[in-house]
Amino acid sequence: KFTSIEDIKNVKGVGEKLLVKIREAK
C-alpha cells in the first residue's frame, strides 16, 4: 500500500501531539 499525503499529514499531527504531551510532562 502506498502512503498518501493525507496519511503523512495524520502521522505528523499525531507526532506533534505526542511532543506537546512530553513537553508538558517535564
Protein backbone atom coordinates (compact mmCIF):
# COMPACT_ATOMS: atom_id res chain seq x y z
CA LYS A 1 0.00 0.00 0.00
CA PHE A 2 1.28 3.45 -0.89
CA THR A 3 1.27 6.19 1.71
CA SER A 4 -0.97 9.07 0.71
CA ILE A 5 -0.32 12.72 1.54
CA GLU A 6 -3.25 12.62 3.96
CA ASP A 7 -1.67 9.68 5.83
CA ILE A 8 1.60 11.62 6.15
CA LYS A 9 -0.27 14.65 7.49
CA ASN A 10 -2.05 12.46 10.06
CA VAL A 11 1.24 10.93 11.23
CA LYS A 12 2.80 14.38 11.58
CA GLY A 13 -0.20 15.58 13.59
CA VAL A 14 0.00 12.60 15.97
CA GLY A 15 3.75 13.10 16.42
CA GLU A 16 3.27 16.78 17.24
CA LYS A 17 0.61 15.95 19.83
CA LEU A 18 2.96 13.45 21.49
CA LEU A 19 5.76 16.03 21.58
CA VAL A 20 3.44 18.51 23.29
CA LYS A 21 2.47 15.92 25.91
CA ILE A 22 6.14 15.10 26.57
CA ARG A 23 6.99 18.80 26.98
CA GLU A 24 4.08 19.34 29.37
CA ALA A 25 5.06 16.28 31.43
CA LYS A 26 8.52 17.72 32.16
